Amino acid sequence: MTIAFQSAVFALIAISFLLVIGVPVALASPDGWSSSKNVVFSGVSLWIGSVLFVGILNSFISQICSRCFRLKLPPPLPEGFIALLKGLFLQVQGGGVFRN
């Protein structure tokens, strides 16, 4: 499954590279947009499909890895710590920390 994910990411990178190079070249050709519009739309459709496919594979990989390695999310921050951070932010924003 990991090999499939790595291959899908590599394909996404390759398609992205081809689009970044190919679209400006196709649009700069003498025929311009009219002759290369189908190729551009096909490339963009393939790129969107690749993004969705990589996202779905990433979801499966993360579920499998979390079950295999029994990974747990870190506990949420306590309320007092969040209030402390908000207070510090408001002091910095109002110039309270940097006053002489």
PDB file of N, CA and C in Angstrom:
ATOM      1  N   MET A   1       0.825  -1.192   0.000  1.00  0.00           N
ATOM      2  CA  MET A   1       0.000   0.000   0.000  1.00  0.00           C
ATOM      3  C   MET A   1       0.870   1.257   0.000  1.00  0.00           C
ATOM      4  N   THR A   2       1.991   1.202   0.716  1.00  0.00           N
ATOM      5  CA  THR A   2       2.870   2.361   0.769  1.00  0.00           C
ATOM      6  C   THR A   2       3.515   2.615  -0.592  1.00  0.00           C
ATOM      7  N   ILE A   3       3.844   1.545  -1.316  1.00  0.00           N
ATOM      8  CA  ILE A   3       4.430   1.697  -2.652  1.00  0.00           C
ATOM      9  C   ILE A   3       3.420   2.362  -3.581  1.00  0.00           C
ATOM     10  N   ALA A   4       2.156   1.985  -3.473  1.00  0.00           N
ATOM     11  CA  ALA A   4       1.119   2.602  -4.305  1.00  0.00           C
ATOM     12  C   ALA A   4       0.989   4.085  -3.985  1.00  0.00           C
ATOM     13  N   PHE A   5       1.059   4.425  -2.707  1.00  0.00           N
ATOM     14  CA  PHE A   5       0.962   5.832  -2.306  1.00  0.00           C
ATOM     15  C   PHE A   5       2.151   6.625  -2.836  1.00  0.00           C
ATOM     16  N   GLN A   6       3.346   6.072  -2.695  1.00  0.00           N
ATOM     17  CA  GLN A   6       4.537   6.765  -3.188  1.00  0.00           C
ATOM     18  C   GLN A   6       4.497   6.923  -4.703  1.00  0.00           C
ATOM     19  N   SER A   7       4.007   5.912  -5.394  1.00  0.00           N
ATOM     20  CA  SER A   7       3.883   6.000  -6.852  1.00  0.00           C
ATOM     21  C   SER A   7       2.859   7.053  -7.252  1.00  0.00           C
ATOM     22  N   ALA A   8       1.756   7.120  -6.508  1.00  0.00           N
ATOM     23  CA  ALA A   8       0.727   8.118  -6.806  1.00  0.00           C
ATOM     24  C   ALA A   8       1.244   9.531  -6.567  1.00  0.00           C
ATOM     25  N   VAL A   9       2.006   9.728  -5.503  1.00  0.00           N
ATOM     26  CA  VAL A   9       2.583  11.051  -5.237  1.00  0.00           C
ATOM     27  C   VAL A   9       3.596  11.409  -6.322  1.00  0.00           C
ATOM     28  N   PHE A  10       4.407  10.442  -6.731  1.00  0.00           N
ATOM     29  CA  PHE A  10       5.360  10.700  -7.811  1.00  0.00           C
ATOM     30  C   PHE A  10       4.635  11.061  -9.103  1.00  0.00           C
ATOM     31  N   ALA A  11       3.546  10.347  -9.411  1.00  0.00           N
ATOM     32  CA  ALA A  11       2.769  10.655 -10.615  1.00  0.00           C
ATOM     33  C   ALA A  11       2.167  12.055 -10.532  1.00  0.00           C
ATOM     34  N   LEU A  12       1.685  12.434  -9.358  1.00  0.00           N
ATOM     35  CA  LEU A  12       1.128  13.781  -9.175  1.00  0.00           C
ATOM     36  C   LEU A  12       2.202  14.843  -9.404  1.00  0.00           C
ATOM     37  N   ILE A  13       3.388  14.608  -8.882  1.00  0.00           N
ATOM     38  CA  ILE A  13       4.490  15.562  -9.078  1.00  0.00           C
ATOM     39  C   ILE A  13       4.872  15.633 -10.555  1.00  0.00           C
ATOM     40  N   ALA A  14       4.917  14.491 -11.221  1.00  0.00           N
ATOM     41  CA  ALA A  14       5.275  14.473 -12.642  1.00  0.00           C
ATOM     42  C   ALA A  14       4.220  15.188 -13.484  1.00  0.00           C
ATOM     43  N   ILE A  15       2.949  14.947 -13.198  1.00  0.00           N
ATOM     44  CA  ILE A  15       1.874  15.621 -13.935  1.00  0.00           C
ATOM     45  C   ILE A  15       1.929  17.123 -13.686  1.00  0.00           C
ATOM     46  N   SER A  16       2.177  17.511 -12.441  1.00  0.00           N
ATOM     47  CA  SER A  16       2.280  18.939 -12.114  1.00  0.00           C
ATOM     48  C   SER A  16       3.420  19.585 -12.887  1.00  0.00           C
ATOM     49  N   PHE A  17       4.554  18.919 -12.926  1.00  0.00           N
ATOM     50  CA  PHE A  17       5.709  19.445 -13.654  1.00  0.00           C
ATOM     51  C   PHE A  17       5.391  19.578 -15.139  1.00  0.00           C
ATOM     52  N   LEU A  18       4.762  18.557 -15.709  1.00  0.00           N
ATOM     53  CA  LEU A  18       4.415  18.615 -17.129  1.00  0.00           C
ATOM     54  C   LEU A  18       3.429  19.741 -17.422  1.00  0.00           C
ATOM     55  N   LEU A  19       2.481  19.965 -16.526  1.00  0.00           N
ATOM     56  CA  LEU A  19       1.523  21.052 -16.735  1.00  0.00           C
ATOM     57  C   LEU A  19       2.183  22.421 -16.600  1.00  0.00           C
ATOM     58  N   VAL A  20       3.074  22.557 -15.624  1.00  0.00           N
ATOM     59  CA  VAL A  20       3.752  23.845 -15.433  1.00  0.00           C
ATOM     60  C   VAL A  20       4.592  24.194 -16.661  1.00  0.00           C
ATOM     61  N   ILE A  21       5.211  23.201 -17.269  1.00  0.00           N
ATOM     62  CA  ILE A  21       6.023  23.445 -18.459  1.00  0.00           C
ATOM     63  C   ILE A  21       5.158  23.457 -19.720  1.00  0.00           C
ATOM     64  N   GLY A  22       4.215  22.523 -19.814  1.00  0.00           N
ATOM     65  CA  GLY A  22       3.473  22.331 -21.060  1.00  0.00           C
ATOM     66  C   GLY A  22       2.412  23.360 -21.364  1.00  0.00           C
ATOM     67  N   VAL A  23       1.713  23.864 -20.359  1.00  0.00           N
ATOM     68  CA  VAL A  23       0.623  24.812 -20.623  1.00  0.00           C
ATOM     69  C   VAL A  23       1.148  26.117 -21.219  1.00  0.00           C
ATOM     70  N   PRO A  24       2.177  26.745 -20.648  1.00  0.00           N
ATOM     71  CA  PRO A  24       2.677  27.963 -21.298  1.00  0.00           C
ATOM     72  C   PRO A  24       3.239  27.715 -22.702  1.00  0.00           C
ATOM     73  N   VAL A  25       3.880  26.573 -22.894  1.00  0.00           N
ATOM     74  CA  VAL A  25       4.410  26.254 -24.219  1.00  0.00           C
ATOM     75  C   VAL A  25       3.266  26.057 -25.207  1.00  0.00           C
ATOM     76  N   ALA A  26       2.209  25.359 -24.772  1.00  0.00           N
ATOM     77  CA  ALA A  26       1.064  25.138 -25.657  1.00  0.00           C
ATOM     78  C   ALA A  26       0.356  26.446 -25.987  1.00  0.00           C
ATOM     79  N   LEU A  27       0.246  27.330 -25.014  1.00  0.00           N
ATOM     80  CA  LEU A  27      -0.424  28.606 -25.265  1.00  0.00           C
ATOM     81  C   LEU A  27       0.435  29.555 -26.101  1.00  0.00           C
ATOM     82  N   ALA A  28       1.740  29.386 -26.060  1.00  0.00           N
ATOM     83  CA  ALA A  28       2.623  30.244 -26.845  1.00  0.00           C
ATOM     84  C   ALA A  28       2.813  29.741 -28.269  1.00  0.00           C
ATOM     85  N   SER A  29       2.284  28.580 -28.574  1.00  0.00           N
ATOM     86  CA  SER A  29       2.425  28.044 -29.928  1.00  0.00           C
ATOM     87  C   SER A  29       1.639  28.919 -30.910  1.00  0.00           C
ATOM     88  N   PRO A  30       1.969  28.846 -32.190  1.00  0.00           N
ATOM     89  CA  PRO A  30       1.287  29.707 -33.167  1.00  0.00           C
ATOM     90  C   PRO A  30      -0.228  29.504 -33.223  1.00  0.00           C
ATOM     91  N   ASP A  31      -0.684  28.271 -33.041  1.00  0.00           N
ATOM     92  CA  ASP A  31      -2.130  28.021 -33.071  1.00  0.00           C
ATOM     93  C   ASP A  31      -2.794  28.459 -31.780  1.00  0.00           C
ATOM     94  N   GLY A  32      -2.041  28.459 -30.684  1.00  0.00           N
ATOM     95  CA  GLY A  32      -2.542  28.961 -29.410  1.00  0.00           C
ATOM     96  C   GLY A  32      -3.572  28.069 -28.757  1.00  0.00           C
ATOM     97  N   TRP A  33      -4.541  28.719 -28.117  1.00  0.00           N
ATOM     98  CA  TRP A  33      -5.532  28.050 -27.287  1.00  0.00           C
ATOM     99  C   TRP A  33      -6.427  27.127 -28.089  1.00  0.00           C
ATOM    100  N   SER A  34      -6.771  27.500 -29.306  1.00  0.00           N
ATOM    101  CA  SER A  34      -7.752  26.728 -30.072  1.00  0.00           C
ATOM    102  C   SER A  34      -7.264  25.317 -30.379  1.00  0.00           C
ATOM    103  N   SER A  35      -5.986  25.157 -30.633  1.00  0.00           N
ATOM    104  CA  SER A  35      -5.497  23.826 -30.990  1.00  0.00           C
ATOM    105  C   SER A  35      -5.119  22.980 -29.775  1.00  0.00           C
ATOM    106  N   SER A  36      -4.787  23.613 -28.658  1.00  0.00           N
ATOM    107  CA  SER A  36      -4.290  22.843 -27.514  1.00  0.00           C
ATOM    108  C   SER A  36      -5.256  22.816 -26.340  1.00  0.00           C
ATOM    109  N   LYS A  37      -6.469  23.298 -26.524  1.00  0.00           N
ATOM    110  CA  LYS A  37      -7.400  23.358 -25.403  1.00  0.00           C
ATOM    111  C   LYS A  37      -7.779  21.965 -24.895  1.00  0.00           C
ATOM    112  N   ASN A  38      -7.941  20.983 -25.789  1.00  0.00           N
ATOM    113  CA  ASN A  38      -8.296  19.629 -25.352  1.00  0.00           C
ATOM    114  C   ASN A  38      -7.176  18.991 -24.537  1.00  0.00           C
ATOM    115  N   VAL A  39      -5.939  19.236 -24.944  1.00  0.00           N
ATOM    116  CA  VAL A  39      -4.793  18.680 -24.215  1.00  0.00           C
ATOM    117  C   VAL A  39      -4.694  19.311 -22.828  1.00  0.00           C
ATOM    118  N   VAL A  40      -4.903  20.619 -22.746  1.00  0.00           N
ATOM    119  CA  VAL A  40      -4.832  21.311 -21.457  1.00  0.00           C
ATOM    120  C   VAL A  40      -5.938  20.818 -20.535  1.00  0.00           C
ATOM    121  N   PHE A  41      -7.162  20.715 -21.052  1.00  0.00           N
ATOM    122  CA  PHE A  41      -8.270  20.233 -20.222  1.00  0.00           C
ATOM    123  C   PHE A  41      -8.049  18.793 -19.769  1.00  0.00           C
ATOM    124  N   SER A  42      -7.495  17.962 -20.637  1.00  0.00           N
ATOM    125  CA  SER A  42      -7.205  16.573 -20.249  1.00  0.00           C
ATOM    126  C   SER A  42      -6.145  16.525 -19.156  1.00  0.00           C
ATOM    127  N   GLY A  43      -5.109  17.343 -19.292  1.00  0.00           N
ATOM    128  CA  GLY A  43      -4.061  17.385 -18.273  1.00  0.00           C
ATOM    129  C   GLY A  43      -4.577  17.880 -16.939  1.00  0.00           C
ATOM    130  N   VAL A  44      -5.411  18.913 -16.964  1.00  0.00           N
ATOM    131  CA  VAL A  44      -5.976  19.439 -15.718  1.00  0.00           C
ATOM    132  C   VAL A  44      -6.904  18.407 -15.078  1.00  0.00           C
ATOM    133  N   SER A  45      -7.696  17.717 -15.888  1.00  0.00           N
ATOM    134  CA  SER A  45      -8.575  16.668 -15.348  1.00  0.00           C
ATOM    135  C   SER A  45      -7.764  15.542 -14.723  1.00  0.00           C
ATOM    136  N   LEU A  46      -6.684  15.156 -15.384  1.00  0.00           N
ATOM    137  CA  LEU A  46      -5.808  14.116 -14.839  1.00  0.00           C
ATOM    138  C   LEU A  46      -5.175  14.574 -13.533  1.00  0.00           C
ATOM    139  N   TRP A  47      -4.791  15.853 -13.452  1.00  0.00           N
ATOM    140  CA  TRP A  47      -4.189  16.396 -12.232  1.00  0.00           C
ATOM    141  C   TRP A  47      -5.201  16.394 -11.091  1.00  0.00           C
ATOM    142  N   ILE A  48      -6.434  16.823 -11.347  1.00  0.00           N
ATOM    143  CA  ILE A  48      -7.470  16.834 -10.302  1.00  0.00           C
ATOM    144  C   ILE A  48      -7.753  15.414  -9.825  1.00  0.00           C
ATOM    145  N   GLY A  49      -7.840  14.476 -10.766  1.00  0.00           N
ATOM    146  CA  GLY A  49      -8.040  13.082 -10.383  1.00  0.00           C
ATOM    147  C   GLY A  49      -6.888  12.546  -9.550  1.00  0.00           C
ATOM    148  N   SER A  50      -5.668  12.939  -9.892  1.00  0.00           N
ATOM    149  CA  SER A  50      -4.501  12.500  -9.120  1.00  0.00           C
ATOM    150  C   SER A  50      -4.514  13.067  -7.711  1.00  0.00           C
ATOM    151  N   VAL A  51      -4.911  14.335  -7.572  1.00  0.00           N
ATOM    152  CA  VAL A  51      -4.991  14.943  -6.240  1.00  0.00           C
ATOM    153  C   VAL A  51      -6.007  14.197  -5.382  1.00  0.00           C
ATOM    154  N   LEU A  52      -7.168  13.904  -5.949  1.00  0.00           N
ATOM    155  CA  LEU A  52      -8.189  13.169  -5.191  1.00  0.00           C
ATOM    156  C   LEU A  52      -7.707  11.763  -4.841  1.00  0.00           C
ATOM    157  N   PHE A  53      -7.049  11.098  -5.787  1.00  0.00           N
ATOM    158  CA  PHE A  53      -6.556   9.741  -5.547  1.00  0.00           C
ATOM    159  C   PHE A  53      -5.494   9.722  -4.451  1.00  0.00           C
ATOM    160  N   VAL A  54      -4.575  10.688  -4.478  1.00  0.00           N
ATOM    161  CA  VAL A  54      -3.545  10.770  -3.436  1.00  0.00           C
ATOM    162  C   VAL A  54      -4.192  11.053  -2.086  1.00  0.00           C
ATOM    163  N   GLY A  55      -5.211  11.903  -2.051  1.00  0.00           N
ATOM    164  CA  GLY A  55      -5.913  12.185  -0.797  1.00  0.00           C
ATOM    165  C   GLY A  55      -6.596  10.955  -0.230  1.00  0.00           C
ATOM    166  N   ILE A  56      -7.234  10.174  -1.088  1.00  0.00           N
ATOM    167  CA  ILE A  56      -7.900   8.944  -0.631  1.00  0.00           C
ATOM    168  C   ILE A  56      -6.866   7.938  -0.137  1.00  0.00           C
ATOM    169  N   LEU A  57      -5.784   7.764  -0.893  1.00  0.00           N
ATOM    170  CA  LEU A  57      -4.730   6.844  -0.444  1.00  0.00           C
ATOM    171  C   LEU A  57      -4.114   7.305   0.873  1.00  0.00           C
ATOM    172  N   ASN A  58      -3.930   8.607   1.036  1.00  0.00           N
ATOM    173  CA  ASN A  58      -3.375   9.139   2.277  1.00  0.00           C
ATOM    174  C   ASN A  58      -4.290   8.817   3.453  1.00  0.00           C
ATOM    175  N   SER A  59      -5.582   8.903   3.236  1.00  0.00           N
ATOM    176  CA  SER A  59      -6.532   8.573   4.299  1.00  0.00           C
ATOM    177  C   SER A  59      -6.408   7.103   4.702  1.00  0.00           C
ATOM    178  N   PHE A  60      -6.315   6.224   3.705  1.00  0.00           N
ATOM    179  CA  PHE A  60      -6.178   4.801   4.013  1.00  0.00           C
ATOM    180  C   PHE A  60      -4.861   4.506   4.721  1.00  0.00           C
ATOM    181  N   ILE A  61      -3.777   5.098   4.235  1.00  0.00           N
ATOM    182  CA  ILE A  61      -2.463   4.861   4.839  1.00  0.00           C
ATOM    183  C   ILE A  61      -2.446   5.336   6.284  1.00  0.00           C
ATOM    184  N   SER A  62      -3.015   6.509   6.557  1.00  0.00           N
ATOM    185  CA  SER A  62      -2.987   7.025   7.926  1.00  0.00           C
ATOM    186  C   SER A  62      -3.822   6.153   8.857  1.00  0.00           C
ATOM    187  N   GLN A  63      -4.946   5.615   8.369  1.00  0.00           N
ATOM    188  CA  GLN A  63      -5.751   4.718   9.204  1.00  0.00           C
ATOM    189  C   GLN A  63      -5.010   3.416   9.475  1.00  0.00           C
ATOM    190  N   ILE A  64      -4.362   2.873   8.464  1.00  0.00           N
ATOM    191  CA  ILE A  64      -3.631   1.616   8.634  1.00  0.00           C
ATOM    192  C   ILE A  64      -2.467   1.808   9.595  1.00  0.00           C
ATOM    193  N   CYS A  65      -1.707   2.899   9.422  1.00  0.00           N
ATOM    194  CA  CYS A  65      -0.549   3.135  10.290  1.00  0.00           C
ATOM    195  C   CYS A  65      -0.970   3.387  11.729  1.00  0.00           C
ATOM    196  N   SER A  66      -2.073   4.108  11.920  1.00  0.00           N
ATOM    197  CA  SER A  66      -2.497   4.377  13.294  1.00  0.00           C
ATOM    198  C   SER A  66      -2.968   3.104  13.980  1.00  0.00           C
ATOM    199  N   ARG A  67      -3.529   2.172  13.228  1.00  0.00           N
ATOM    200  CA  ARG A  67      -3.954   0.899  13.831  1.00  0.00           C
ATOM    201  C   ARG A  67      -2.757  -0.014  14.089  1.00  0.00           C
ATOM    202  N   CYS A  68      -1.822  -0.051  13.141  1.00  0.00           N
ATOM    203  CA  CYS A  68      -0.668  -0.940  13.287  1.00  0.00           C
ATOM    204  C   CYS A  68       0.245  -0.498  14.423  1.00  0.00           C
ATOM    205  N   PHE A  69       0.475   0.799  14.512  1.00  0.00           N
ATOM    206  CA  PHE A  69       1.416   1.305  15.504  1.00  0.00           C
ATOM    207  C   PHE A  69       0.731   1.864  16.737  1.00  0.00           C
ATOM    208  N   ARG A  70      -0.587   1.746  16.789  1.00  0.00           N
ATOM    209  CA  ARG A  70      -1.394   2.233  17.911  1.00  0.00           C
ATOM    210  C   ARG A  70      -1.068   3.691  18.241  1.00  0.00           C
ATOM    211  N   LEU A  71      -1.012   4.494  17.199  1.00  0.00           N
ATOM    212  CA  LEU A  71      -0.730   5.916  17.381  1.00  0.00           C
ATOM    213  C   LEU A  71      -1.968   6.620  17.919  1.00  0.00           C
ATOM    214  N   LYS A  72      -1.754   7.533  18.834  1.00  0.00           N
ATOM    215  CA  LYS A  72      -2.856   8.299  19.399  1.00  0.00           C
ATOM    216  C   LYS A  72      -2.573   9.777  19.195  1.00  0.00           C
ATOM    217  N   LEU A  73      -3.637  10.538  19.044  1.00  0.00           N
ATOM    218  CA  LEU A  73      -3.482  11.982  18.929  1.00  0.00           C
ATOM    219  C   LEU A  73      -3.070  12.554  20.272  1.00  0.00           C
ATOM    220  N   PRO A  74      -2.298  13.631  20.266  1.00  0.00           N
ATOM    221  CA  PRO A  74      -1.923  14.244  21.545  1.00  0.00           C
ATOM    222  C   PRO A  74      -3.157  14.820  22.235  1.00  0.00           C
ATOM    223  N   PRO A  75      -3.137  14.875  23.556  1.00  0.00           N
ATOM    224  CA  PRO A  75      -4.304  15.408  24.262  1.00  0.00           C
ATOM    225  C   PRO A  75      -4.464  16.895  23.964  1.00  0.00           C
ATOM    226  N   PRO A  76      -5.688  17.391  24.035  1.00  0.00           N
ATOM    227  CA  PRO A  76      -5.892  18.822  23.777  1.00  0.00           C
ATOM    228  C   PRO A  76      -5.246  19.669  24.862  1.00  0.00           C
ATOM    229  N   LEU A  77      -4.966  20.911  24.507  1.00  0.00           N
ATOM    230  CA  LEU A  77      -4.354  21.828  25.469  1.00  0.00           C
ATOM    231  C   LEU A  77      -5.356  22.185  26.559  1.00  0.00           C
ATOM    232  N   PRO A  78      -4.899  22.345  27.794  1.00  0.00           N
ATOM    233  CA  PRO A  78      -5.821  22.717  28.867  1.00  0.00           C
ATOM    234  C   PRO A  78      -6.345  24.138  28.660  1.00  0.00           C
ATOM    235  N   GLU A  79      -7.527  24.404  29.222  1.00  0.00           N
ATOM    236  CA  GLU A  79      -8.185  25.704  29.063  1.00  0.00           C
ATOM    237  C   GLU A  79      -7.311  26.843  29.585  1.00  0.00           C
ATOM    238  N   GLY A  80      -6.646  26.631  30.718  1.00  0.00           N
ATOM    239  CA  GLY A  80      -5.830  27.686  31.303  1.00  0.00           C
ATOM    240  C   GLY A  80      -4.677  28.093  30.407  1.00  0.00           C
ATOM    241  N   PHE A  81      -4.089  27.129  29.733  1.00  0.00           N
ATOM    242  CA  PHE A  81      -2.969  27.412  28.845  1.00  0.00           C
ATOM    243  C   PHE A  81      -3.428  28.232  27.646  1.00  0.00           C
ATOM    244  N   ILE A  82      -4.599  27.890  27.113  1.00  0.00           N
ATOM    245  CA  ILE A  82      -5.140  28.638  25.976  1.00  0.00           C
ATOM    246  C   ILE A  82      -5.465  30.069  26.400  1.00  0.00           C
ATOM    247  N   ALA A  83      -6.037  30.236  27.601  1.00  0.00           N
ATOM    248  CA  ALA A  83      -6.339  31.580  28.098  1.00  0.00           C
ATOM    249  C   ALA A  83      -5.051  32.379  28.297  1.00  0.00           C
ATOM    250  N   LEU A  84      -4.003  31.721  28.771  1.00  0.00           N
ATOM    251  CA  LEU A  84      -2.715  32.391  28.948  1.00  0.00           C
ATOM    252  C   LEU A  84      -2.165  32.869  27.608  1.00  0.00           C
ATOM    253  N   LEU A  85      -2.251  32.022  26.584  1.00  0.00           N
ATOM    254  CA  LEU A  85      -1.778  32.410  25.258  1.00  0.00           C
ATOM    255  C   LEU A  85      -2.588  33.577  24.701  1.00  0.00           C
ATOM    256  N   LYS A  86      -3.914  33.552  24.905  1.00  0.00           N
ATOM    257  CA  LYS A  86      -4.750  34.659  24.429  1.00  0.00           C
ATOM    258  C   LYS A  86      -4.381  35.949  25.144  1.00  0.00           C
ATOM    259  N   GLY A  87      -4.142  35.881  26.448  1.00  0.00           N
ATOM    260  CA  GLY A  87      -3.767  37.066  27.204  1.00  0.00           C
ATOM    261  C   GLY A  87      -2.442  37.637  26.742  1.00  0.00           C
ATOM    262  N   LEU A  88      -1.468  36.764  26.487  1.00  0.00           N
ATOM    263  CA  LEU A  88      -0.172  37.230  25.991  1.00  0.00           C
ATOM    264  C   LEU A  88      -0.310  37.873  24.618  1.00  0.00           C
ATOM    265  N   PHE A  89      -1.147  37.290  23.777  1.00  0.00           N
ATOM    266  CA  PHE A  89      -1.355  37.850  22.446  1.00  0.00           C
ATOM    267  C   PHE A  89      -1.975  39.239  22.537  1.00  0.00           C
ATOM    268  N   LEU A  90      -2.961  39.400  23.414  1.00  0.00           N
ATOM    269  CA  LEU A  90      -3.603  40.708  23.561  1.00  0.00           C
ATOM    270  C   LEU A  90      -2.629  41.732  24.121  1.00  0.00           C
ATOM    271  N   GLN A  91      -1.752  41.319  25.040  1.00  0.00           N
ATOM    272  CA  GLN A  91      -0.766  42.248  25.584  1.00  0.00           C
ATOM    273  C   GLN A  91       0.227  42.679  24.512  1.00  0.00           C
ATOM    274  N   VAL A  92       0.674  41.739  23.699  1.00  0.00           N
ATOM    275  CA  VAL A  92       1.620  42.068  22.637  1.00  0.00           C
ATOM    276  C   VAL A  92       0.944  42.970  21.612  1.00  0.00           C
ATOM    277  N   GLN A  93      -0.307  42.684  21.311  1.00  0.00           N
ATOM    278  CA  GLN A  93      -1.039  43.468  20.333  1.00  0.00           C
ATOM    279  C   GLN A  93      -1.258  44.900  20.825  1.00  0.00           C
ATOM    280  N   GLY A  94      -1.524  45.066  22.118  1.00  0.00           N
ATOM    281  CA  GLY A  94      -1.746  46.391  22.673  1.00  0.00           C
ATOM    282  C   GLY A  94      -0.467  47.103  23.062  1.00  0.00           C
ATOM    283  N   GLY A  95       0.658  46.483  22.899  1.00  0.00           N
ATOM    284  CA  GLY A  95       1.930  47.098  23.243  1.00  0.00           C
ATOM    285  C   GLY A  95       2.297  46.941  24.703  1.00  0.00           C
ATOM    286  N   GLY A  96       1.556  46.110  25.453  1.00  0.00           N
ATOM    287  CA  GLY A  96       1.795  45.971  26.881  1.00  0.00           C
ATOM    288  C   GLY A  96       3.110  45.310  27.219  1.00  0.00           C
ATOM    289  N   VAL A  97       3.572  44.395  26.420  1.00  0.00           N
ATOM    290  CA  VAL A  97       4.798  43.668  26.723  1.00  0.00           C
ATOM    291  C   VAL A  97       6.021  44.519  26.402  1.00  0.00           C
ATOM    292  N   PHE A  98       5.920  45.379  25.406  1.00  0.00           N
ATOM    293  CA  PHE A  98       7.087  46.114  24.938  1.00  0.00           C
ATOM    294  C   PHE A  98       7.185  47.533  25.508  1.00  0.00           C
ATOM    295  N   ARG A  99       6.332  47.892  26.446  1.00  0.00           N
ATOM    296  CA  ARG A  99       6.404  49.234  27.039  1.00  0.00           C
ATOM    297  C   ARG A  99       7.583  49.326  27.984  1.00  0.00           C
ATOM    298  N   ASN A 100       8.149  50.532  28.101  1.00  0.00           N
ATOM    299  CA  ASN A 100       9.267  50.765  29.033  1.00  0.00           C
ATOM    300  C   ASN A 100       8.754  51.126  30.393  1.00  0.00           C
TER     301      ASN A 100
END
